[in-house]
Protein backbone atom coordinates (compact mmCIF):
# COMPACT_ATOMS: atom_id res chain seq x y z
CA MET A 1 0.00 0.00 0.00
CA THR A 2 1.46 3.33 -1.10
CA ASN A 3 1.60 5.98 1.52
CA LYS A 4 0.22 9.35 0.43
CA VAL A 5 2.91 11.96 0.79
CA GLN A 6 1.50 15.18 2.13
CA ASN A 7 2.61 18.30 0.20
CA PRO A 8 2.49 21.41 2.42
CA GLU A 9 2.32 23.72 -0.65
CA THR A 10 -0.65 21.84 -2.04
CA ASP A 11 -2.42 22.04 1.30
CA ILE A 12 -1.84 25.82 1.39
CA MET A 13 -3.22 26.23 -2.15
CA VAL A 14 -6.30 24.18 -1.32
CA GLU A 15 -6.86 26.13 1.87
CA THR A 16 -6.37 29.47 0.06
CA LYS A 17 -8.73 28.43 -2.72
CA GLY A 18 -11.29 27.49 -0.13
CA LYS A 19 -10.98 30.82 1.61
CA LEU A 20 -11.33 32.73 -1.70
CA GLU A 21 -14.41 30.75 -2.66
CA THR A 22 -15.92 31.46 0.75
CA PHE A 23 -15.00 35.13 0.42
CA PHE A 24 -16.61 35.48 -3.00
CA ASP A 25 -19.66 33.50 -1.89
CA THR A 26 -20.07 35.91 0.99
CA TYR A 27 -19.02 39.20 -0.61
CA GLY A 28 -19.33 38.58 -4.37
CA ASN A 29 -22.56 40.50 -4.83
CA LYS A 30 -21.25 43.43 -2.79
CA LEU A 31 -18.04 43.53 -4.83
CA LEU A 32 -19.98 43.40 -8.07
CA SER A 33 -22.24 46.18 -6.89
CA GLY A 34 -19.19 48.21 -5.92
CA LEU A 35 -17.55 47.71 -9.29
CA VAL A 36 -20.75 48.64 -11.08
CA GLY A 37 -20.98 51.74 -8.90
CA ILE A 38 -17.40 52.75 -9.70
CA THR A 39 -18.04 52.19 -13.40
CA VAL A 40 -21.16 54.34 -13.31
CA VAL A 41 -19.27 57.12 -11.54
CA ALA A 42 -16.41 56.91 -14.05
CA VAL A 43 -18.80 57.06 -16.98
CA ALA A 44 -20.65 59.98 -15.39
CA ILE A 45 -17.37 61.89 -14.91
CA PHE A 46 -16.42 61.20 -18.54
CA VAL A 47 -19.78 62.44 -19.77
CA VAL A 48 -19.60 65.59 -17.65
CA LEU A 49 -16.04 66.36 -18.82
CA SER A 50 -17.07 65.80 -22.42
CA LEU A 51 -20.01 68.14 -22.01
CA VAL A 52 -17.79 70.76 -20.38
CA LYS A 53 -15.27 70.43 -23.21
CA ASN A 54 -17.97 70.67 -25.86
CA SER A 55 -19.50 73.64 -24.07
CA ALA A 56 -16.12 75.36 -23.88
CA GLN A 57 -15.49 74.71 -27.56
CA LYS A 58 -18.89 76.11 -28.47
CA HIS A 59 -18.22 79.16 -26.26
CA GLU A 60 -14.88 79.73 -27.99
CA HIS A 61 -16.48 79.27 -31.41
CA ASN A 62 -19.17 81.83 -30.61
CA ALA A 63 -16.55 84.23 -29.28
CA GLN A 64 -14.44 83.87 -32.43
CA ALA A 65 -17.53 84.48 -34.58
CA ALA A 66 -18.37 87.63 -32.63
CA LEU A 67 -14.80 88.90 -32.92
CA THR A 68 -14.73 88.21 -36.66
CA VAL A 69 -17.90 90.24 -37.11
CA ALA A 70 -16.44 93.08 -35.05
CA LEU A 71 -13.16 93.10 -36.99
CA THR A 72 -14.83 93.05 -40.39
CA SER A 73 -17.47 95.67 -39.66
CA GLU A 74 -15.36 98.52 -38.25
CA ALA A 75 -16.96 97.96 -34.87
CA SER A 76 -16.82 100.53 -32.10
CA VAL A 77 -14.95 100.05 -28.86
CA GLU A 78 -18.22 98.99 -27.21
CA SER A 79 -18.33 95.91 -29.45
CA TYR A 80 -14.92 94.75 -28.26
CA VAL A 81 -15.78 95.49 -24.66
CA ALA A 82 -18.96 93.39 -25.03
CA ILE A 83 -16.91 90.45 -26.34
CA VAL A 84 -14.48 90.74 -23.43
CA GLU A 85 -17.33 90.69 -20.93
CA GLU A 86 -19.54 88.04 -22.57
CA TYR A 87 -16.81 85.60 -23.56
CA GLU A 88 -14.36 86.04 -20.69
CA GLY A 89 -11.69 83.35 -20.64
CA THR A 90 -11.70 82.66 -24.39
CA LYS A 91 -8.86 83.36 -26.80
CA ALA A 92 -11.14 85.67 -28.77
CA ALA A 93 -11.96 87.71 -25.67
CA ASN A 94 -8.24 87.99 -24.96
CA THR A 95 -7.67 89.40 -28.43
CA ALA A 96 -10.66 91.71 -27.96
CA THR A 97 -8.96 93.26 -24.92
CA TYR A 98 -6.16 94.41 -27.22
CA MET A 99 -8.65 95.75 -29.77
CA ALA A 100 -10.56 97.63 -27.06
CA ALA A 101 -7.32 99.11 -25.71
CA ALA A 102 -6.28 100.21 -29.21
CA GLU A 103 -9.63 101.92 -29.77
CA TYR A 104 -9.45 103.66 -26.40
CA LEU A 105 -5.93 104.91 -27.16
CA LYS A 106 -7.07 106.15 -30.56
CA ALA A 107 -9.80 108.12 -28.77
CA GLY A 108 -7.24 109.56 -26.33
CA ASP A 109 -8.56 107.65 -23.30
CA LEU A 110 -5.23 106.50 -21.84
CA GLU A 111 -6.64 105.19 -18.58
CA SER A 112 -9.15 102.90 -20.28
CA ALA A 113 -6.48 101.78 -22.73
CA LYS A 114 -4.17 100.83 -19.86
CA ALA A 115 -7.02 99.09 -18.01
CA TYR A 116 -7.74 96.82 -20.98
CA LEU A 117 -4.07 96.18 -21.71
CA ALA A 118 -3.78 94.98 -18.09
CA LYS A 119 -6.44 92.34 -18.83
CA TYR A 120 -4.44 90.81 -21.67
CA ALA A 121 -2.73 87.43 -21.12
CA ASP A 122 0.18 86.34 -23.34
CA ALA A 123 -1.06 84.13 -26.16
CA GLU A 124 0.64 81.06 -27.66
CA GLY A 125 1.46 80.01 -31.20
CA ALA A 126 2.64 82.02 -34.22
CA ALA A 127 -0.49 84.17 -34.31
CA GLY A 128 -0.24 84.63 -30.55
CA GLU A 129 3.31 85.93 -30.88
CA ILE A 130 2.13 88.65 -33.25
CA ILE A 131 -0.67 89.70 -30.90
CA ASN A 132 1.78 89.71 -27.98
CA ALA A 133 4.08 91.99 -29.99
CA LEU A 134 1.16 94.28 -30.84
CA VAL A 135 0.27 94.52 -27.15
CA TYR A 136 3.85 95.46 -26.20
CA SER A 137 3.81 97.99 -29.02
CA LEU A 138 0.53 99.49 -27.83
CA ARG A 139 1.90 99.75 -24.31
CA GLY A 140 4.88 101.53 -25.82
CA ASP A 141 2.51 103.94 -27.55
CA VAL A 142 0.84 104.63 -24.21
CA ALA A 143 4.27 105.29 -22.66
CA VAL A 144 5.07 107.76 -25.45
CA GLU A 145 1.77 109.56 -24.84
CA GLU A 146 2.72 109.83 -21.17
CA ASN A 147 6.21 111.05 -22.17
CA ASP A 148 7.79 108.04 -20.47
CA LEU A 149 10.31 107.50 -23.23
CA GLN A 150 12.56 105.09 -21.34
CA SER A 151 9.61 102.74 -20.78
CA ALA A 152 8.71 103.14 -24.45
CA VAL A 153 12.22 101.99 -25.42
CA GLU A 154 11.88 98.88 -23.27
CA LEU A 155 8.40 98.07 -24.58
CA PHE A 156 9.20 98.53 -28.27
CA THR A 157 12.30 96.37 -27.77
CA LYS A 158 10.16 93.65 -26.16
CA ALA A 159 7.75 93.92 -29.07
CA MET A 160 10.62 93.31 -31.52
CA VAL A 161 11.69 90.24 -29.55
CA ALA A 162 8.13 88.90 -29.21
CA SER A 163 7.63 88.33 -32.93
CA ASP A 164 9.93 87.98 -35.94
CA ASP A 165 7.10 88.75 -38.36
CA VAL A 166 8.69 91.23 -40.77
CA ASN A 167 5.86 93.77 -40.75
CA THR A 168 5.50 93.68 -36.97
CA TYR A 169 9.27 93.91 -36.45
CA GLU A 170 9.63 96.81 -38.90
CA ASN A 171 6.83 98.77 -37.26
CA ASN A 172 8.33 98.42 -33.80
CA ALA A 173 11.90 99.07 -34.93
CA ARG A 174 10.73 102.28 -36.60
CA LYS A 175 8.91 103.35 -33.42
CA LEU A 176 11.97 102.55 -31.33
CA ALA A 177 14.22 104.60 -33.62
CA LEU A 178 11.84 107.56 -33.45
CA VAL A 179 11.85 107.40 -29.65
CA TYR A 180 15.66 107.46 -29.66
CA VAL A 181 15.52 110.53 -31.92
CA ALA A 182 13.09 112.18 -29.49
CA MET A 183 15.56 111.40 -26.70
CA GLY A 184 18.32 113.05 -28.71
CA ASP A 185 20.17 109.77 -29.26
CA ASN A 186 20.63 109.67 -33.04
CA VAL A 187 23.36 107.03 -32.75
CA LYS A 188 20.98 104.55 -31.15
CA ALA A 189 18.36 105.40 -33.77
CA GLN A 190 20.82 104.60 -36.58
CA GLU A 191 21.88 101.39 -34.83
CA THR A 192 18.22 100.35 -34.67
CA TYR A 193 17.75 100.87 -38.41
CA LYS A 194 21.04 99.05 -39.15
CA ALA A 195 20.05 96.06 -37.03
CA MET A 196 16.68 95.91 -38.78
CA VAL A 197 18.07 95.87 -42.32
CA GLU A 198 20.67 93.29 -41.34
CA ILE A 199 17.85 90.96 -40.28
CA TYR A 200 15.58 91.95 -43.17
CA PRO A 201 17.79 93.06 -46.12
CA GLU A 202 14.70 93.59 -48.25
CA LEU A 203 13.94 96.69 -46.16
CA LYS A 204 17.29 98.38 -46.84
CA GLY A 205 15.98 100.52 -49.67
CA LYS A 206 13.37 102.11 -47.39
CA TYR A 207 15.80 103.03 -44.60
CA THR A 208 19.15 103.70 -46.27
CA LYS A 209 18.72 107.46 -45.79
CA TYR A 210 18.41 106.95 -42.03
CA ILE A 211 21.66 104.98 -41.75
CA ALA A 212 25.00 106.82 -41.55
CA GLU A 213 27.63 105.42 -43.89
């Protein structure tokens, strides 16, 4: 008669299996209910986030549409202000703050122009870089109006750094040179023109007369 050799590991596996079966018999329904509950919560969160995203996209789309209408219809400053207030937090509203500030400055309302420039947040991307440069440039214009020429120098320089778009750069380099002339620093003005035509040789013909040989 062969003696049955007892395997401790087998006994442990059998005992563990028995305990698991007992556990699932006792708590299986509760675990299943818990998993179903977690799944429902997860799905609900996903749905809510999707709705929020879709809502945000729709809000941005509506804001962009409103801004496009304003830009193509020679809108008044009130139109840009309305976009800023109604679509706060959108990229279009951020751009509208610049437009409102520009209109206020054009009307000679420096305080309102500064108030709206303060609302602007730096934008991203190639188009954002141009808007950022325009905002620095507009702040420089405000500084010139307030006869704060040193601040104007710093702001026009920042505008030139913010975007390498040729038209934007040229506009700000020209403003910077004019500020240097107003400060009586013709050397710095000439250096500004020289630096510009070195970067953009195609502009040399327009500014040769401003550059000392």
